Amino acid sequence: MALPEIGAEGQERLSRAKVLIVGAGGLGSPVALYLTAAGIGTLGLVDNDIINRTNLQRQVLYSEADVDQPKVLFAARRLRELNSHIHVEIYPYRLDKRNAHELLSKYNLVVDGCDNFSTRYILSDACREVGIPYVYGAVRGFMGQVSVFNYGPHPRTYRDLFPDEAEMTSLDMDKAVVGVVTGLTGCVQAGEALKIIAGFGEVLSGRLWTIDMRTMQSHLLDF
């Protein structure tokens, strides 16, 4: 609240906000932690997976004691320990075309923590239908990228960035990644969500931010 760009009014907006995170893994973990710590009022978590020991290097919401347990249950417990005022809603199933509209209509904003192209097209289409912003993020190897769809006077969509759905969904997802890249990228996603909700800064609408951790080269690309 000491920051003039946010202040008491911005903090109040955060406390009233309802954010849905699709995917509680490598990207969803830092997003959820920082939005919870920032004082988001309601956080929804969608994930049908269980905690795997080999993923702990990037899924920092969890510990070795949580292995083989449902992600959303243990994520919710950890987030409530971090901020007892937050309301956490869990959805232990996969987001798909049948439930996307109903889920998204309950929230003000969606953050992408998923790891497949098909879900991103579903998210983008549903966000456009419901009329809420979509904070996109993706990682691979040492690289990450972030953008914001369905926001501002000239909203863009995931299809504007990657128009050929058939080609994208036919690709094999290379999920090899160094853990800190998910943390770096997820923090940028959380920052975009805070900017949208509290109303400060320049949102990455119509722009793609990229980072290569090997060189620390970062780019902003218009699309």
C-alpha atoms as a PDB file:
ATOM      1  CA  MET A   1       0.000   0.000   0.000  1.00  0.00           C
ATOM      2  CA  ALA A   2       3.029   2.283   0.369  1.00  0.00           C
ATOM      3  CA  LEU A   3       3.491   2.249  -3.413  1.00  0.00           C
ATOM      4  CA  PRO A   4       1.640   5.201  -4.978  1.00  0.00           C
ATOM      5  CA  GLU A   5       0.865   3.149  -8.102  1.00  0.00           C
ATOM      6  CA  ILE A   6      -1.162   0.710  -5.981  1.00  0.00           C
ATOM      7  CA  GLY A   7      -2.099   2.286  -2.645  1.00  0.00           C
ATOM      8  CA  ALA A   8      -5.063   1.345  -0.504  1.00  0.00           C
ATOM      9  CA  GLU A   9      -7.433   1.387  -3.479  1.00  0.00           C
ATOM     10  CA  GLY A  10      -5.295  -1.040  -5.454  1.00  0.00           C
ATOM     11  CA  GLN A  11      -4.950  -3.338  -2.457  1.00  0.00           C
ATOM     12  CA  GLU A  12      -8.718  -3.302  -2.054  1.00  0.00           C
ATOM     13  CA  ARG A  13      -9.101  -4.324  -5.692  1.00  0.00           C
ATOM     14  CA  LEU A  14      -6.779  -7.246  -5.058  1.00  0.00           C
ATOM     15  CA  SER A  15      -8.822  -8.345  -2.055  1.00  0.00           C
ATOM     16  CA  ARG A  16     -11.984  -8.400  -4.184  1.00  0.00           C
ATOM     17  CA  ALA A  17     -10.409 -10.159  -7.171  1.00  0.00           C
ATOM     18  CA  LYS A  18     -11.183 -13.722  -8.185  1.00  0.00           C
ATOM     19  CA  VAL A  19      -8.387 -15.396 -10.160  1.00  0.00           C
ATOM     20  CA  LEU A  20      -8.419 -18.858 -11.712  1.00  0.00           C
ATOM     21  CA  ILE A  21      -5.118 -20.684 -12.227  1.00  0.00           C
ATOM     22  CA  VAL A  22      -5.302 -23.536 -14.713  1.00  0.00           C
ATOM     23  CA  GLY A  23      -2.528 -25.945 -13.769  1.00  0.00           C
ATOM     24  CA  ALA A  24      -0.917 -26.148 -10.319  1.00  0.00           C
ATOM     25  CA  GLY A  25       2.547 -27.242 -11.474  1.00  0.00           C
ATOM     26  CA  GLY A  26       5.748 -25.456 -12.421  1.00  0.00           C
ATOM     27  CA  LEU A  27       4.130 -22.182 -13.522  1.00  0.00           C
ATOM     28  CA  GLY A  28       1.068 -22.414 -11.308  1.00  0.00           C
ATOM     29  CA  SER A  29       3.179 -22.786  -8.159  1.00  0.00           C
ATOM     30  CA  PRO A  30       4.938 -19.371  -8.211  1.00  0.00           C
ATOM     31  CA  VAL A  31       1.827 -17.674  -9.581  1.00  0.00           C
ATOM     32  CA  ALA A  32      -0.302 -19.038  -6.758  1.00  0.00           C
ATOM     33  CA  LEU A  33       2.262 -18.245  -4.064  1.00  0.00           C
ATOM     34  CA  TYR A  34       2.790 -14.633  -5.106  1.00  0.00           C
ATOM     35  CA  LEU A  35      -0.873 -13.845  -5.759  1.00  0.00           C
ATOM     36  CA  THR A  36      -1.759 -15.334  -2.385  1.00  0.00           C
ATOM     37  CA  ALA A  37       0.964 -13.314  -0.664  1.00  0.00           C
ATOM     38  CA  ALA A  38      -0.208 -10.160  -2.489  1.00  0.00           C
ATOM     39  CA  GLY A  39      -3.684 -10.497  -0.995  1.00  0.00           C
ATOM     40  CA  ILE A  40      -5.865 -11.846  -3.801  1.00  0.00           C
ATOM     41  CA  GLY A  41      -9.317 -12.480  -2.363  1.00  0.00           C
ATOM     42  CA  THR A  42     -10.266 -15.695  -4.155  1.00  0.00           C
ATOM     43  CA  LEU A  43      -7.982 -18.123  -5.951  1.00  0.00           C
ATOM     44  CA  GLY A  44      -9.272 -21.051  -8.002  1.00  0.00           C
ATOM     45  CA  LEU A  45      -7.015 -24.012  -8.828  1.00  0.00           C
ATOM     46  CA  VAL A  46      -7.727 -26.444 -11.669  1.00  0.00           C
ATOM     47  CA  ASP A  47      -5.574 -29.590 -11.891  1.00  0.00           C
ATOM     48  CA  ASN A  48      -6.332 -33.306 -12.073  1.00  0.00           C
ATOM     49  CA  ASP A  49      -2.785 -34.515 -11.439  1.00  0.00           C
ATOM     50  CA  ILE A  50      -0.958 -35.885  -8.405  1.00  0.00           C
ATOM     51  CA  ILE A  51       2.362 -34.705  -6.963  1.00  0.00           C
ATOM     52  CA  ASN A  52       5.370 -36.457  -8.487  1.00  0.00           C
ATOM     53  CA  ARG A  53       8.803 -36.519  -6.844  1.00  0.00           C
ATOM     54  CA  THR A  54      10.569 -35.806 -10.157  1.00  0.00           C
ATOM     55  CA  ASN A  55       8.635 -32.535 -10.522  1.00  0.00           C
ATOM     56  CA  LEU A  56       9.606 -31.033  -7.168  1.00  0.00           C
ATOM     57  CA  GLN A  57      12.537 -29.147  -8.724  1.00  0.00           C
ATOM     58  CA  ARG A  58      10.031 -26.748 -10.260  1.00  0.00           C
ATOM     59  CA  GLN A  59       6.713 -27.317  -8.441  1.00  0.00           C
ATOM     60  CA  VAL A  60       7.676 -25.392  -5.332  1.00  0.00           C
ATOM     61  CA  LEU A  61       4.248 -25.536  -3.692  1.00  0.00           C
ATOM     62  CA  TYR A  62       4.942 -29.114  -2.607  1.00  0.00           C
ATOM     63  CA  SER A  63       7.359 -31.186  -0.535  1.00  0.00           C
ATOM     64  CA  GLU A  64       8.555 -34.793  -0.555  1.00  0.00           C
ATOM     65  CA  ALA A  65       5.954 -35.613   2.089  1.00  0.00           C
ATOM     66  CA  ASP A  66       3.193 -34.693  -0.400  1.00  0.00           C
ATOM     67  CA  VAL A  67       4.226 -37.116  -3.166  1.00  0.00           C
ATOM     68  CA  ASP A  68       1.384 -39.142  -4.734  1.00  0.00           C
ATOM     69  CA  GLN A  69      -1.269 -36.820  -3.297  1.00  0.00           C
ATOM     70  CA  PRO A  70      -3.654 -34.619  -5.368  1.00  0.00           C
ATOM     71  CA  LYS A  71      -2.017 -31.332  -6.287  1.00  0.00           C
ATOM     72  CA  VAL A  72      -4.972 -29.040  -5.694  1.00  0.00           C
ATOM     73  CA  LEU A  73      -5.640 -30.348  -2.166  1.00  0.00           C
ATOM     74  CA  PHE A  74      -2.079 -29.814  -0.983  1.00  0.00           C
ATOM     75  CA  ALA A  75      -1.698 -26.545  -2.896  1.00  0.00           C
ATOM     76  CA  ALA A  76      -4.786 -25.175  -1.168  1.00  0.00           C
ATOM     77  CA  ARG A  77      -3.426 -26.187   2.237  1.00  0.00           C
ATOM     78  CA  ARG A  78      -0.077 -24.496   1.575  1.00  0.00           C
ATOM     79  CA  LEU A  79      -1.704 -21.299   0.320  1.00  0.00           C
ATOM     80  CA  ARG A  80      -3.999 -21.053   3.342  1.00  0.00           C
ATOM     81  CA  GLU A  81      -0.937 -21.412   5.563  1.00  0.00           C
ATOM     82  CA  LEU A  82       0.629 -18.489   3.719  1.00  0.00           C
ATOM     83  CA  ASN A  83      -2.456 -16.251   3.913  1.00  0.00           C
ATOM     84  CA  SER A  84      -5.332 -17.251   6.170  1.00  0.00           C
ATOM     85  CA  HIS A  85      -7.604 -14.602   4.622  1.00  0.00           C
ATOM     86  CA  ILE A  86      -7.588 -16.075   1.125  1.00  0.00           C
ATOM     87  CA  HIS A  87     -10.492 -18.122  -0.179  1.00  0.00           C
ATOM     88  CA  VAL A  88      -9.201 -21.078  -2.204  1.00  0.00           C
ATOM     89  CA  GLU A  89     -11.516 -23.009  -4.521  1.00  0.00           C
ATOM     90  CA  ILE A  90     -10.252 -26.319  -5.922  1.00  0.00           C
ATOM     91  CA  TYR A  91     -11.269 -28.202  -9.051  1.00  0.00           C
ATOM     92  CA  PRO A  92      -9.548 -31.630  -9.138  1.00  0.00           C
ATOM     93  CA  TYR A  93     -10.246 -32.272 -12.792  1.00  0.00           C
ATOM     94  CA  ARG A  94      -9.049 -31.223 -16.226  1.00  0.00           C
ATOM     95  CA  LEU A  95     -10.355 -28.073 -17.903  1.00  0.00           C
ATOM     96  CA  ASP A  96     -11.985 -28.949 -21.235  1.00  0.00           C
ATOM     97  CA  LYS A  97     -14.548 -27.635 -23.701  1.00  0.00           C
ATOM     98  CA  ARG A  98     -17.421 -28.964 -21.622  1.00  0.00           C
ATOM     99  CA  ASN A  99     -16.589 -27.168 -18.373  1.00  0.00           C
ATOM    100  CA  ALA A 100     -14.448 -24.181 -19.453  1.00  0.00           C
ATOM    101  CA  HIS A 101     -17.256 -21.650 -19.831  1.00  0.00           C
ATOM    102  CA  GLU A 102     -18.866 -22.511 -16.499  1.00  0.00           C
ATOM    103  CA  LEU A 103     -15.539 -22.382 -14.655  1.00  0.00           C
ATOM    104  CA  LEU A 104     -14.286 -19.146 -16.164  1.00  0.00           C
ATOM    105  CA  SER A 105     -17.570 -17.312 -15.663  1.00  0.00           C
ATOM    106  CA  LYS A 106     -16.937 -17.387 -11.895  1.00  0.00           C
ATOM    107  CA  TYR A 107     -13.691 -15.420 -12.130  1.00  0.00           C
ATOM    108  CA  ASN A 108     -12.308 -12.012 -13.144  1.00  0.00           C
ATOM    109  CA  LEU A 109      -9.081 -13.269 -14.695  1.00  0.00           C
ATOM    110  CA  VAL A 110      -7.369 -16.519 -15.735  1.00  0.00           C
ATOM    111  CA  VAL A 111      -3.667 -17.392 -15.445  1.00  0.00           C
ATOM    112  CA  ASP A 112      -2.270 -20.163 -17.637  1.00  0.00           C
ATOM    113  CA  GLY A 113      -0.229 -22.772 -15.790  1.00  0.00           C
ATOM    114  CA  CYS A 114      -0.991 -25.640 -18.144  1.00  0.00           C
ATOM    115  CA  ASP A 115       1.465 -27.644 -20.216  1.00  0.00           C
ATOM    116  CA  ASN A 116      -0.343 -28.431 -23.450  1.00  0.00           C
ATOM    117  CA  PHE A 117      -1.473 -26.551 -26.553  1.00  0.00           C
ATOM    118  CA  SER A 118      -5.034 -27.906 -26.673  1.00  0.00           C
ATOM    119  CA  THR A 119      -5.935 -26.459 -23.268  1.00  0.00           C
ATOM    120  CA  ARG A 120      -4.558 -23.069 -24.275  1.00  0.00           C
ATOM    121  CA  TYR A 121      -6.826 -22.863 -27.314  1.00  0.00           C
ATOM    122  CA  ILE A 122      -9.789 -23.842 -25.129  1.00  0.00           C
ATOM    123  CA  LEU A 123      -8.791 -21.191 -22.568  1.00  0.00           C
ATOM    124  CA  SER A 124      -8.387 -18.479 -25.168  1.00  0.00           C
ATOM    125  CA  ASP A 125     -11.750 -19.176 -26.798  1.00  0.00           C
ATOM    126  CA  ALA A 126     -13.575 -19.406 -23.473  1.00  0.00           C
ATOM    127  CA  CYS A 127     -12.003 -16.199 -22.131  1.00  0.00           C
ATOM    128  CA  ARG A 128     -13.153 -14.345 -25.234  1.00  0.00           C
ATOM    129  CA  GLU A 129     -16.687 -15.696 -24.790  1.00  0.00           C
ATOM    130  CA  VAL A 130     -16.826 -14.883 -21.077  1.00  0.00           C
ATOM    131  CA  GLY A 131     -15.014 -11.553 -21.454  1.00  0.00           C
ATOM    132  CA  ILE A 132     -12.113 -11.886 -19.014  1.00  0.00           C
ATOM    133  CA  PRO A 133      -8.335 -11.439 -19.476  1.00  0.00           C
ATOM    134  CA  TYR A 134      -6.054 -14.445 -19.988  1.00  0.00           C
ATOM    135  CA  VAL A 135      -2.453 -14.268 -18.730  1.00  0.00           C
ATOM    136  CA  TYR A 136      -0.464 -16.720 -20.860  1.00  0.00           C
ATOM    137  CA  GLY A 137       2.861 -18.293 -19.946  1.00  0.00           C
ATOM    138  CA  ALA A 138       4.988 -21.107 -21.357  1.00  0.00           C
ATOM    139  CA  VAL A 139       8.445 -22.554 -20.694  1.00  0.00           C
ATOM    140  CA  ARG A 140      10.873 -24.880 -22.410  1.00  0.00           C
ATOM    141  CA  GLY A 141      14.447 -25.724 -21.503  1.00  0.00           C
ATOM    142  CA  PHE A 142      16.024 -22.416 -20.441  1.00  0.00           C
ATOM    143  CA  MET A 143      13.393 -20.192 -22.077  1.00  0.00           C
ATOM    144  CA  GLY A 144      10.108 -18.648 -20.991  1.00  0.00           C
ATOM    145  CA  GLN A 145       7.474 -16.386 -22.508  1.00  0.00           C
ATOM    146  CA  VAL A 146       4.465 -14.397 -21.294  1.00  0.00           C
ATOM    147  CA  SER A 147       1.652 -12.437 -22.911  1.00  0.00           C
ATOM    148  CA  VAL A 148      -1.842 -11.212 -22.043  1.00  0.00           C
ATOM    149  CA  PHE A 149      -4.859 -12.018 -24.196  1.00  0.00           C
ATOM    150  CA  ASN A 150      -8.385 -10.600 -24.293  1.00  0.00           C
ATOM    151  CA  TYR A 151      -7.441  -7.341 -22.615  1.00  0.00           C
ATOM    152  CA  GLY A 152      -7.504  -3.671 -23.527  1.00  0.00           C
ATOM    153  CA  PRO A 153      -8.987  -1.700 -26.444  1.00  0.00           C
ATOM    154  CA  HIS A 154      -7.448  -3.995 -29.072  1.00  0.00           C
ATOM    155  CA  PRO A 155      -7.562  -7.432 -27.453  1.00  0.00           C
ATOM    156  CA  ARG A 156      -5.542 -10.248 -28.972  1.00  0.00           C
ATOM    157  CA  THR A 157      -6.000 -13.986 -28.531  1.00  0.00           C
ATOM    158  CA  TYR A 158      -3.819 -17.076 -28.383  1.00  0.00           C
ATOM    159  CA  ARG A 159      -4.991 -17.772 -31.946  1.00  0.00           C
ATOM    160  CA  ASP A 160      -3.510 -14.449 -33.070  1.00  0.00           C
ATOM    161  CA  LEU A 161      -0.134 -15.577 -31.746  1.00  0.00           C
ATOM    162  CA  PHE A 162      -0.421 -19.204 -32.918  1.00  0.00           C
ATOM    163  CA  PRO A 163      -3.156 -19.330 -35.597  1.00  0.00           C
ATOM    164  CA  ASP A 164      -2.635 -22.919 -36.781  1.00  0.00           C
ATOM    165  CA  GLU A 165      -4.257 -25.020 -34.059  1.00  0.00           C
ATOM    166  CA  ALA A 166      -3.891 -28.317 -35.958  1.00  0.00           C
ATOM    167  CA  GLU A 167      -0.163 -27.798 -36.396  1.00  0.00           C
ATOM    168  CA  MET A 168       0.420 -26.746 -32.788  1.00  0.00           C
ATOM    169  CA  THR A 169      -1.585 -29.545 -31.196  1.00  0.00           C
ATOM    170  CA  SER A 170       0.219 -32.126 -33.341  1.00  0.00           C
ATOM    171  CA  LEU A 171       3.583 -31.146 -31.861  1.00  0.00           C
ATOM    172  CA  ASP A 172       5.148 -33.143 -29.062  1.00  0.00           C
ATOM    173  CA  MET A 173       5.429 -31.089 -25.878  1.00  0.00           C
ATOM    174  CA  ASP A 174       9.035 -31.073 -24.714  1.00  0.00           C
ATOM    175  CA  LYS A 175       8.610 -30.694 -20.960  1.00  0.00           C
ATOM    176  CA  ALA A 176      12.312 -30.658 -20.112  1.00  0.00           C
ATOM    177  CA  VAL A 177      12.975 -27.419 -18.238  1.00  0.00           C
ATOM    178  CA  VAL A 178      15.328 -26.042 -15.626  1.00  0.00           C
ATOM    179  CA  GLY A 179      13.237 -25.311 -12.535  1.00  0.00           C
ATOM    180  CA  VAL A 180      14.173 -21.673 -12.037  1.00  0.00           C
ATOM    181  CA  VAL A 181      12.803 -20.771 -15.476  1.00  0.00           C
ATOM    182  CA  THR A 182       9.303 -21.700 -14.319  1.00  0.00           C
ATOM    183  CA  GLY A 183       9.800 -19.506 -11.263  1.00  0.00           C
ATOM    184  CA  LEU A 184      11.011 -16.581 -13.355  1.00  0.00           C
ATOM    185  CA  THR A 185       8.205 -16.918 -15.891  1.00  0.00           C
ATOM    186  CA  GLY A 186       5.525 -17.526 -13.272  1.00  0.00           C
ATOM    187  CA  CYS A 187       6.571 -14.392 -11.395  1.00  0.00           C
ATOM    188  CA  VAL A 188       6.160 -12.345 -14.573  1.00  0.00           C
ATOM    189  CA  GLN A 189       2.689 -13.853 -15.025  1.00  0.00           C
ATOM    190  CA  ALA A 190       1.799 -12.960 -11.441  1.00  0.00           C
ATOM    191  CA  GLY A 191       3.050  -9.434 -12.078  1.00  0.00           C
ATOM    192  CA  GLU A 192       0.802  -9.081 -15.133  1.00  0.00           C
ATOM    193  CA  ALA A 193      -2.175 -10.286 -13.093  1.00  0.00           C
ATOM    194  CA  LEU A 194      -1.431  -7.713 -10.384  1.00  0.00           C
ATOM    195  CA  LYS A 195      -1.152  -4.931 -12.983  1.00  0.00           C
ATOM    196  CA  ILE A 196      -4.501  -5.851 -14.521  1.00  0.00           C
ATOM    197  CA  ILE A 197      -6.300  -6.078 -11.184  1.00  0.00           C
ATOM    198  CA  ALA A 198      -4.751  -3.121  -9.360  1.00  0.00           C
ATOM    199  CA  GLY A 199      -4.622  -0.926 -12.469  1.00  0.00           C
ATOM    200  CA  PHE A 200      -0.984   0.105 -12.813  1.00  0.00           C
ATOM    201  CA  GLY A 201       1.804  -0.254 -15.362  1.00  0.00           C
ATOM    202  CA  GLU A 202       1.751  -1.357 -18.999  1.00  0.00           C
ATOM    203  CA  VAL A 203       0.127  -4.739 -19.531  1.00  0.00           C
ATOM    204  CA  LEU A 204       1.596  -7.189 -22.079  1.00  0.00           C
ATOM    205  CA  SER A 205      -1.463  -7.014 -24.318  1.00  0.00           C
ATOM    206  CA  GLY A 206      -0.510  -7.555 -27.960  1.00  0.00           C
ATOM    207  CA  ARG A 207       3.102  -8.142 -26.926  1.00  0.00           C
ATOM    208  CA  LEU A 208       5.073 -11.302 -26.214  1.00  0.00           C
ATOM    209  CA  TRP A 209       7.819 -11.144 -23.574  1.00  0.00           C
ATOM    210  CA  THR A 210      10.575 -13.739 -23.906  1.00  0.00           C
ATOM    211  CA  ILE A 211      13.584 -14.610 -21.771  1.00  0.00           C
ATOM    212  CA  ASP A 212      16.567 -16.905 -22.338  1.00  0.00           C
ATOM    213  CA  MET A 213      18.105 -17.654 -18.953  1.00  0.00           C
ATOM    214  CA  ARG A 214      21.376 -18.799 -20.507  1.00  0.00           C
ATOM    215  CA  THR A 215      22.153 -15.313 -21.766  1.00  0.00           C
ATOM    216  CA  MET A 216      19.528 -13.266 -19.835  1.00  0.00           C
ATOM    217  CA  GLN A 217      18.471 -11.758 -23.144  1.00  0.00           C
ATOM    218  CA  SER A 218      14.895 -10.565 -23.022  1.00  0.00           C
ATOM    219  CA  HIS A 219      12.718  -9.368 -25.889  1.00  0.00           C
ATOM    220  CA  LEU A 220       9.317  -7.741 -26.370  1.00  0.00           C
ATOM    221  CA  LEU A 221       7.654  -8.720 -29.648  1.00  0.00           C
ATOM    222  CA  ASP A 222       4.510  -7.064 -31.005  1.00  0.00           C
ATOM    223  CA  PHE A 223       1.884  -9.279 -32.667  1.00  0.00           C
END
